[in-house]
Amino acid sequence: MKEKNIKFLGEGNKKYTISPIEKIFCEKYIGFRGNGTEAILAAGFKTKNRKSASVMASRRLLKPHIAQFLKSILGGNVSMSDDTEKVIKHLAFLITQNKSLSIKLRAIRLYNKLARRYPGQINYNK
């Protein structure tokens, strides 16, 4: 039996729809701490190789309904599995811990990416 698309409300009560495989991708993306390549592979997308999986993940993350779903998961608006909640708590720990700068930076980048805090491309020629 084919699973149904999931409907949810994003920012400004805008309606979005996400497919079951995209939902799995989002959960895996958080579970793999921002590793889109691994999330694509674990979600079951068909790819030729890891490089194409990386491109596929980058393109998916730019889609508004994917970004809104990730944001709603992190904001607690969509039901999450216990594993996802543990990952979010772990991500918060990684940001505040002071043992490994590289891990801390990656956690900050992931958080900002999921929160859509990165600006668009910056033009330095102005």
N, C-alpha and C. Protein backbone atom coordinates (compact mmCIF):
# COMPACT_ATOMS: atom_id res chain seq x y z
N MET A 1 0.84 -1.18 0.00
CA MET A 1 0.00 0.00 0.00
C MET A 1 0.88 1.24 0.00
N LYS A 2 0.59 2.16 -0.87
CA LYS A 2 1.38 3.38 -1.00
C LYS A 2 1.07 4.34 0.16
N GLU A 3 2.13 4.86 0.75
CA GLU A 3 1.94 5.80 1.85
C GLU A 3 1.49 7.15 1.30
N LYS A 4 0.71 7.85 2.10
CA LYS A 4 0.19 9.15 1.69
C LYS A 4 1.17 10.26 2.02
N ASN A 5 1.10 11.33 1.24
CA ASN A 5 1.90 12.51 1.53
C ASN A 5 1.46 13.12 2.86
N ILE A 6 2.38 13.79 3.53
CA ILE A 6 2.11 14.39 4.82
C ILE A 6 1.89 15.87 4.62
N LYS A 7 0.81 16.39 5.16
CA LYS A 7 0.52 17.82 5.08
C LYS A 7 0.85 18.45 6.43
N PHE A 8 1.43 19.65 6.39
CA PHE A 8 1.76 20.35 7.62
C PHE A 8 1.74 21.84 7.37
N LEU A 9 1.72 22.61 8.45
CA LEU A 9 1.75 24.06 8.37
C LEU A 9 3.15 24.56 8.66
N GLY A 10 3.64 25.43 7.81
CA GLY A 10 4.95 26.04 8.01
C GLY A 10 4.79 27.42 8.61
N GLU A 11 5.81 28.25 8.44
CA GLU A 11 5.76 29.62 8.94
C GLU A 11 4.62 30.37 8.30
N GLY A 12 3.98 31.22 9.08
CA GLY A 12 2.88 32.01 8.57
C GLY A 12 1.65 31.17 8.23
N ASN A 13 1.56 29.97 8.83
CA ASN A 13 0.46 29.03 8.59
C ASN A 13 0.31 28.66 7.12
N LYS A 14 1.40 28.70 6.39
CA LYS A 14 1.38 28.29 4.99
C LYS A 14 1.34 26.76 4.94
N LYS A 15 0.50 26.22 4.05
CA LYS A 15 0.36 24.77 3.93
C LYS A 15 1.45 24.18 3.03
N TYR A 16 2.03 23.09 3.50
CA TYR A 16 3.07 22.37 2.75
C TYR A 16 2.71 20.89 2.71
N THR A 17 3.26 20.21 1.73
CA THR A 17 3.10 18.76 1.61
C THR A 17 4.47 18.14 1.39
N ILE A 18 4.72 17.03 2.07
CA ILE A 18 6.01 16.34 1.94
C ILE A 18 5.72 14.85 1.73
N SER A 19 6.51 14.23 0.87
CA SER A 19 6.31 12.81 0.60
C SER A 19 6.91 11.97 1.74
N PRO A 20 6.48 10.72 1.86
CA PRO A 20 7.03 9.87 2.92
C PRO A 20 8.56 9.71 2.83
N ILE A 21 9.10 9.58 1.61
CA ILE A 21 10.55 9.41 1.49
C ILE A 21 11.28 10.71 1.84
N GLU A 22 10.67 11.86 1.56
CA GLU A 22 11.28 13.14 1.96
C GLU A 22 11.24 13.29 3.47
N LYS A 23 10.19 12.80 4.11
CA LYS A 23 10.11 12.84 5.58
C LYS A 23 11.24 12.00 6.18
N ILE A 24 11.44 10.82 5.61
CA ILE A 24 12.52 9.96 6.08
C ILE A 24 13.87 10.65 5.88
N PHE A 25 14.04 11.29 4.72
CA PHE A 25 15.28 12.03 4.45
C PHE A 25 15.52 13.09 5.54
N CYS A 26 14.49 13.85 5.87
CA CYS A 26 14.64 14.89 6.89
C CYS A 26 15.04 14.31 8.25
N GLU A 27 14.39 13.23 8.64
CA GLU A 27 14.72 12.60 9.92
C GLU A 27 16.15 12.05 9.91
N LYS A 28 16.55 11.44 8.79
CA LYS A 28 17.91 10.91 8.67
C LYS A 28 18.92 12.04 8.63
N TYR A 29 18.57 13.16 7.99
CA TYR A 29 19.46 14.32 7.91
C TYR A 29 19.80 14.82 9.32
N ILE A 30 18.80 14.89 10.15
CA ILE A 30 19.03 15.29 11.54
C ILE A 30 19.80 14.19 12.27
N GLY A 31 19.42 12.94 12.03
CA GLY A 31 20.08 11.81 12.68
C GLY A 31 21.55 11.70 12.33
N PHE A 32 21.90 12.04 11.09
CA PHE A 32 23.30 12.01 10.67
C PHE A 32 23.98 13.35 10.89
N ARG A 33 23.37 14.20 11.70
CA ARG A 33 23.94 15.50 12.07
C ARG A 33 24.32 16.34 10.86
N GLY A 34 23.44 16.40 9.88
CA GLY A 34 23.66 17.28 8.74
C GLY A 34 24.38 16.66 7.57
N ASN A 35 24.61 15.37 7.61
CA ASN A 35 25.26 14.70 6.49
C ASN A 35 24.19 14.30 5.48
N GLY A 36 24.00 15.17 4.48
CA GLY A 36 22.96 14.95 3.49
C GLY A 36 23.19 13.73 2.63
N THR A 37 24.44 13.44 2.32
CA THR A 37 24.76 12.27 1.50
C THR A 37 24.29 11.00 2.18
N GLU A 38 24.65 10.84 3.44
CA GLU A 38 24.23 9.65 4.19
C GLU A 38 22.71 9.61 4.35
N ALA A 39 22.10 10.77 4.54
CA ALA A 39 20.64 10.82 4.70
C ALA A 39 19.93 10.37 3.43
N ILE A 40 20.43 10.80 2.27
CA ILE A 40 19.84 10.38 0.99
C ILE A 40 19.94 8.87 0.83
N LEU A 41 21.12 8.33 1.11
CA LEU A 41 21.33 6.89 0.97
C LEU A 41 20.47 6.10 1.95
N ALA A 42 20.40 6.56 3.20
CA ALA A 42 19.63 5.85 4.23
C ALA A 42 18.12 5.95 3.98
N ALA A 43 17.69 7.04 3.36
CA ALA A 43 16.25 7.22 3.10
C ALA A 43 15.76 6.32 1.97
N GLY A 44 16.68 5.84 1.15
CA GLY A 44 16.28 4.93 0.08
C GLY A 44 16.17 5.53 -1.30
N PHE A 45 16.70 6.73 -1.48
CA PHE A 45 16.71 7.32 -2.82
C PHE A 45 17.66 6.51 -3.70
N LYS A 46 17.31 6.37 -4.95
CA LYS A 46 18.17 5.64 -5.90
C LYS A 46 19.19 6.61 -6.48
N THR A 47 20.47 6.30 -6.27
CA THR A 47 21.55 7.14 -6.79
C THR A 47 22.61 6.26 -7.44
N LYS A 48 23.40 6.89 -8.32
CA LYS A 48 24.47 6.16 -9.00
C LYS A 48 25.68 5.99 -8.09
N ASN A 49 25.99 7.03 -7.32
CA ASN A 49 27.17 7.00 -6.46
C ASN A 49 27.02 8.05 -5.36
N ARG A 50 28.03 8.15 -4.52
CA ARG A 50 27.99 9.08 -3.39
C ARG A 50 27.96 10.53 -3.85
N LYS A 51 28.65 10.83 -4.94
CA LYS A 51 28.68 12.21 -5.44
C LYS A 51 27.28 12.64 -5.88
N SER A 52 26.58 11.76 -6.60
CA SER A 52 25.22 12.12 -7.01
C SER A 52 24.29 12.20 -5.80
N ALA A 53 24.54 11.39 -4.78
CA ALA A 53 23.75 11.47 -3.55
C ALA A 53 23.97 12.83 -2.86
N SER A 54 25.21 13.31 -2.90
CA SER A 54 25.52 14.61 -2.32
C SER A 54 24.79 15.73 -3.05
N VAL A 55 24.81 15.67 -4.37
CA VAL A 55 24.11 16.69 -5.18
C VAL A 55 22.61 16.62 -4.91
N MET A 56 22.08 15.41 -4.84
CA MET A 56 20.65 15.22 -4.59
C MET A 56 20.26 15.81 -3.23
N ALA A 57 21.10 15.59 -2.23
CA ALA A 57 20.82 16.13 -0.89
C ALA A 57 20.84 17.65 -0.91
N SER A 58 21.83 18.23 -1.57
CA SER A 58 21.92 19.69 -1.64
C SER A 58 20.69 20.28 -2.30
N ARG A 59 20.24 19.66 -3.36
CA ARG A 59 19.05 20.16 -4.06
C ARG A 59 17.79 20.02 -3.21
N ARG A 60 17.70 18.91 -2.50
CA ARG A 60 16.53 18.70 -1.64
C ARG A 60 16.47 19.75 -0.53
N LEU A 61 17.62 20.06 0.05
CA LEU A 61 17.66 21.01 1.16
C LEU A 61 17.29 22.43 0.74
N LEU A 62 17.34 22.72 -0.54
CA LEU A 62 16.95 24.04 -1.03
C LEU A 62 15.44 24.16 -1.26
N LYS A 63 14.74 23.06 -1.26
CA LYS A 63 13.30 23.09 -1.49
C LYS A 63 12.58 23.63 -0.26
N PRO A 64 11.67 24.60 -0.47
CA PRO A 64 11.00 25.23 0.67
C PRO A 64 10.25 24.26 1.58
N HIS A 65 9.59 23.24 1.02
CA HIS A 65 8.83 22.33 1.88
C HIS A 65 9.75 21.46 2.73
N ILE A 66 10.94 21.14 2.22
CA ILE A 66 11.92 20.38 3.01
C ILE A 66 12.45 21.26 4.15
N ALA A 67 12.84 22.49 3.80
CA ALA A 67 13.37 23.40 4.82
C ALA A 67 12.33 23.67 5.91
N GLN A 68 11.08 23.86 5.51
CA GLN A 68 10.03 24.11 6.50
C GLN A 68 9.78 22.89 7.39
N PHE A 69 9.87 21.70 6.79
CA PHE A 69 9.66 20.49 7.59
C PHE A 69 10.79 20.33 8.60
N LEU A 70 12.03 20.55 8.17
CA LEU A 70 13.16 20.47 9.10
C LEU A 70 13.01 21.50 10.21
N LYS A 71 12.61 22.69 9.84
CA LYS A 71 12.43 23.74 10.83
C LYS A 71 11.32 23.37 11.81
N SER A 72 10.24 22.79 11.30
CA SER A 72 9.14 22.41 12.19
C SER A 72 9.53 21.25 13.11
N ILE A 73 10.37 20.34 12.61
CA ILE A 73 10.85 19.26 13.48
C ILE A 73 11.68 19.85 14.61
N LEU A 74 12.59 20.74 14.26
CA LEU A 74 13.45 21.33 15.29
C LEU A 74 12.67 22.23 16.23
N GLY A 75 11.58 22.81 15.72
CA GLY A 75 10.74 23.66 16.55
C GLY A 75 9.72 22.89 17.35
N GLY A 76 9.58 21.60 17.06
CA GLY A 76 8.66 20.76 17.81
C GLY A 76 7.23 20.76 17.30
N ASN A 77 7.00 21.26 16.08
CA ASN A 77 5.63 21.32 15.56
C ASN A 77 5.16 20.03 14.90
N VAL A 78 6.07 19.12 14.62
CA VAL A 78 5.72 17.86 13.97
C VAL A 78 6.17 16.75 14.89
N SER A 79 5.37 15.69 14.99
CA SER A 79 5.74 14.60 15.89
C SER A 79 7.06 13.97 15.46
N MET A 80 7.89 13.69 16.44
CA MET A 80 9.21 13.14 16.18
C MET A 80 9.35 11.81 16.89
N SER A 81 10.23 10.98 16.37
CA SER A 81 10.54 9.75 17.07
C SER A 81 11.44 10.09 18.25
N ASP A 82 11.57 9.16 19.20
CA ASP A 82 12.45 9.38 20.34
C ASP A 82 13.88 9.60 19.89
N ASP A 83 14.30 8.90 18.82
CA ASP A 83 15.67 9.05 18.32
C ASP A 83 15.93 10.47 17.84
N THR A 84 14.97 11.06 17.14
CA THR A 84 15.14 12.42 16.64
C THR A 84 15.27 13.40 17.79
N GLU A 85 14.47 13.23 18.83
CA GLU A 85 14.56 14.11 19.99
C GLU A 85 15.93 13.98 20.66
N LYS A 86 16.46 12.78 20.73
CA LYS A 86 17.79 12.57 21.31
C LYS A 86 18.86 13.26 20.47
N VAL A 87 18.72 13.20 19.15
CA VAL A 87 19.69 13.83 18.26
C VAL A 87 19.69 15.35 18.46
N ILE A 88 18.51 15.93 18.57
CA ILE A 88 18.42 17.38 18.77
C ILE A 88 19.07 17.78 20.10
N LYS A 89 18.83 17.00 21.14
CA LYS A 89 19.47 17.29 22.43
C LYS A 89 20.98 17.14 22.32
N HIS A 90 21.43 16.13 21.57
CA HIS A 90 22.86 15.93 21.39
C HIS A 90 23.47 17.08 20.59
N LEU A 91 22.76 17.56 19.60
CA LEU A 91 23.24 18.70 18.81
C LEU A 91 23.41 19.93 19.70
N ALA A 92 22.46 20.16 20.58
CA ALA A 92 22.58 21.28 21.52
C ALA A 92 23.80 21.10 22.42
N PHE A 93 24.06 19.87 22.85
CA PHE A 93 25.24 19.60 23.67
C PHE A 93 26.52 19.89 22.88
N LEU A 94 26.55 19.46 21.62
CA LEU A 94 27.75 19.67 20.81
C LEU A 94 28.06 21.14 20.62
N ILE A 95 27.02 21.95 20.50
CA ILE A 95 27.23 23.38 20.32
C ILE A 95 27.83 24.00 21.58
N THR A 96 27.42 23.52 22.74
CA THR A 96 27.88 24.13 23.99
C THR A 96 29.14 23.49 24.57
N GLN A 97 29.50 22.32 24.12
CA GLN A 97 30.70 21.67 24.67
C GLN A 97 31.96 22.37 24.16
N ASN A 98 33.07 22.20 24.85
CA ASN A 98 34.30 22.90 24.45
C ASN A 98 35.47 21.96 24.19
N LYS A 99 35.24 20.68 23.96
CA LYS A 99 36.34 19.75 23.76
C LYS A 99 36.89 19.79 22.35
N SER A 100 36.03 19.76 21.36
CA SER A 100 36.50 19.69 19.98
C SER A 100 35.91 20.83 19.17
N LEU A 101 36.78 21.72 18.72
CA LEU A 101 36.34 22.87 17.95
C LEU A 101 35.71 22.45 16.63
N SER A 102 36.25 21.42 15.96
CA SER A 102 35.70 21.01 14.67
C SER A 102 34.27 20.46 14.83
N ILE A 103 34.03 19.71 15.90
CA ILE A 103 32.69 19.19 16.14
C ILE A 103 31.74 20.34 16.48
N LYS A 104 32.21 21.27 17.28
CA LYS A 104 31.40 22.41 17.66
C LYS A 104 31.01 23.24 16.43
N LEU A 105 31.97 23.49 15.54
CA LEU A 105 31.70 24.25 14.33
C LEU A 105 30.70 23.54 13.42
N ARG A 106 30.84 22.23 13.29
CA ARG A 106 29.91 21.47 12.45
C ARG A 106 28.49 21.52 13.03
N ALA A 107 28.37 21.42 14.34
CA ALA A 107 27.06 21.49 14.97
C ALA A 107 26.43 22.87 14.78
N ILE A 108 27.24 23.92 14.90
CA ILE A 108 26.74 25.28 14.69
C ILE A 108 26.29 25.46 13.25
N ARG A 109 27.10 24.96 12.30
CA ARG A 109 26.72 25.07 10.88
C ARG A 109 25.41 24.34 10.62
N LEU A 110 25.27 23.13 11.16
CA LEU A 110 24.05 22.36 10.96
C LEU A 110 22.86 23.10 11.54
N TYR A 111 23.01 23.60 12.76
CA TYR A 111 21.90 24.32 13.38
C TYR A 111 21.50 25.53 12.54
N ASN A 112 22.48 26.31 12.12
CA ASN A 112 22.18 27.49 11.30
C ASN A 112 21.59 27.12 9.95
N LYS A 113 22.07 26.03 9.36
CA LYS A 113 21.53 25.59 8.08
C LYS A 113 20.07 25.17 8.23
N LEU A 114 19.78 24.41 9.27
CA LEU A 114 18.40 23.96 9.50
C LEU A 114 17.49 25.13 9.88
N ALA A 115 18.05 26.13 10.55
CA ALA A 115 17.26 27.29 10.94
C ALA A 115 17.19 28.31 9.80
N ARG A 116 17.81 28.00 8.65
CA ARG A 116 17.81 28.86 7.46
C ARG A 116 18.40 30.24 7.79
N ARG A 117 19.50 30.25 8.54
CA ARG A 117 20.13 31.51 8.92
C ARG A 117 21.27 31.92 7.98
N TYR A 118 21.58 31.06 7.02
CA TYR A 118 22.61 31.42 6.06
C TYR A 118 22.02 32.40 5.07
N PRO A 119 22.72 33.50 4.79
CA PRO A 119 22.21 34.44 3.79
C PRO A 119 22.38 33.85 2.40
N GLY A 120 21.73 34.45 1.43
CA GLY A 120 21.94 34.03 0.05
C GLY A 120 23.37 34.30 -0.35
N GLN A 121 23.69 34.06 -1.58
CA GLN A 121 25.05 34.27 -2.04
C GLN A 121 25.41 35.74 -1.90
N ILE A 122 26.58 36.02 -1.38
CA ILE A 122 27.01 37.38 -1.14
C ILE A 122 27.81 37.87 -2.34
N ASN A 123 27.46 39.06 -2.82
CA ASN A 123 28.18 39.66 -3.95
C ASN A 123 29.16 40.68 -3.39
N TYR A 124 30.45 40.40 -3.52
CA TYR A 124 31.48 41.28 -2.99
C TYR A 124 31.90 42.36 -3.97
N ASN A 125 31.32 42.38 -5.16
CA ASN A 125 31.71 43.32 -6.20
C ASN A 125 30.87 44.60 -6.18
N LYS A 126 30.13 44.83 -5.16
CA LYS A 126 29.28 46.03 -5.10
C LYS A 126 30.10 47.26 -4.82
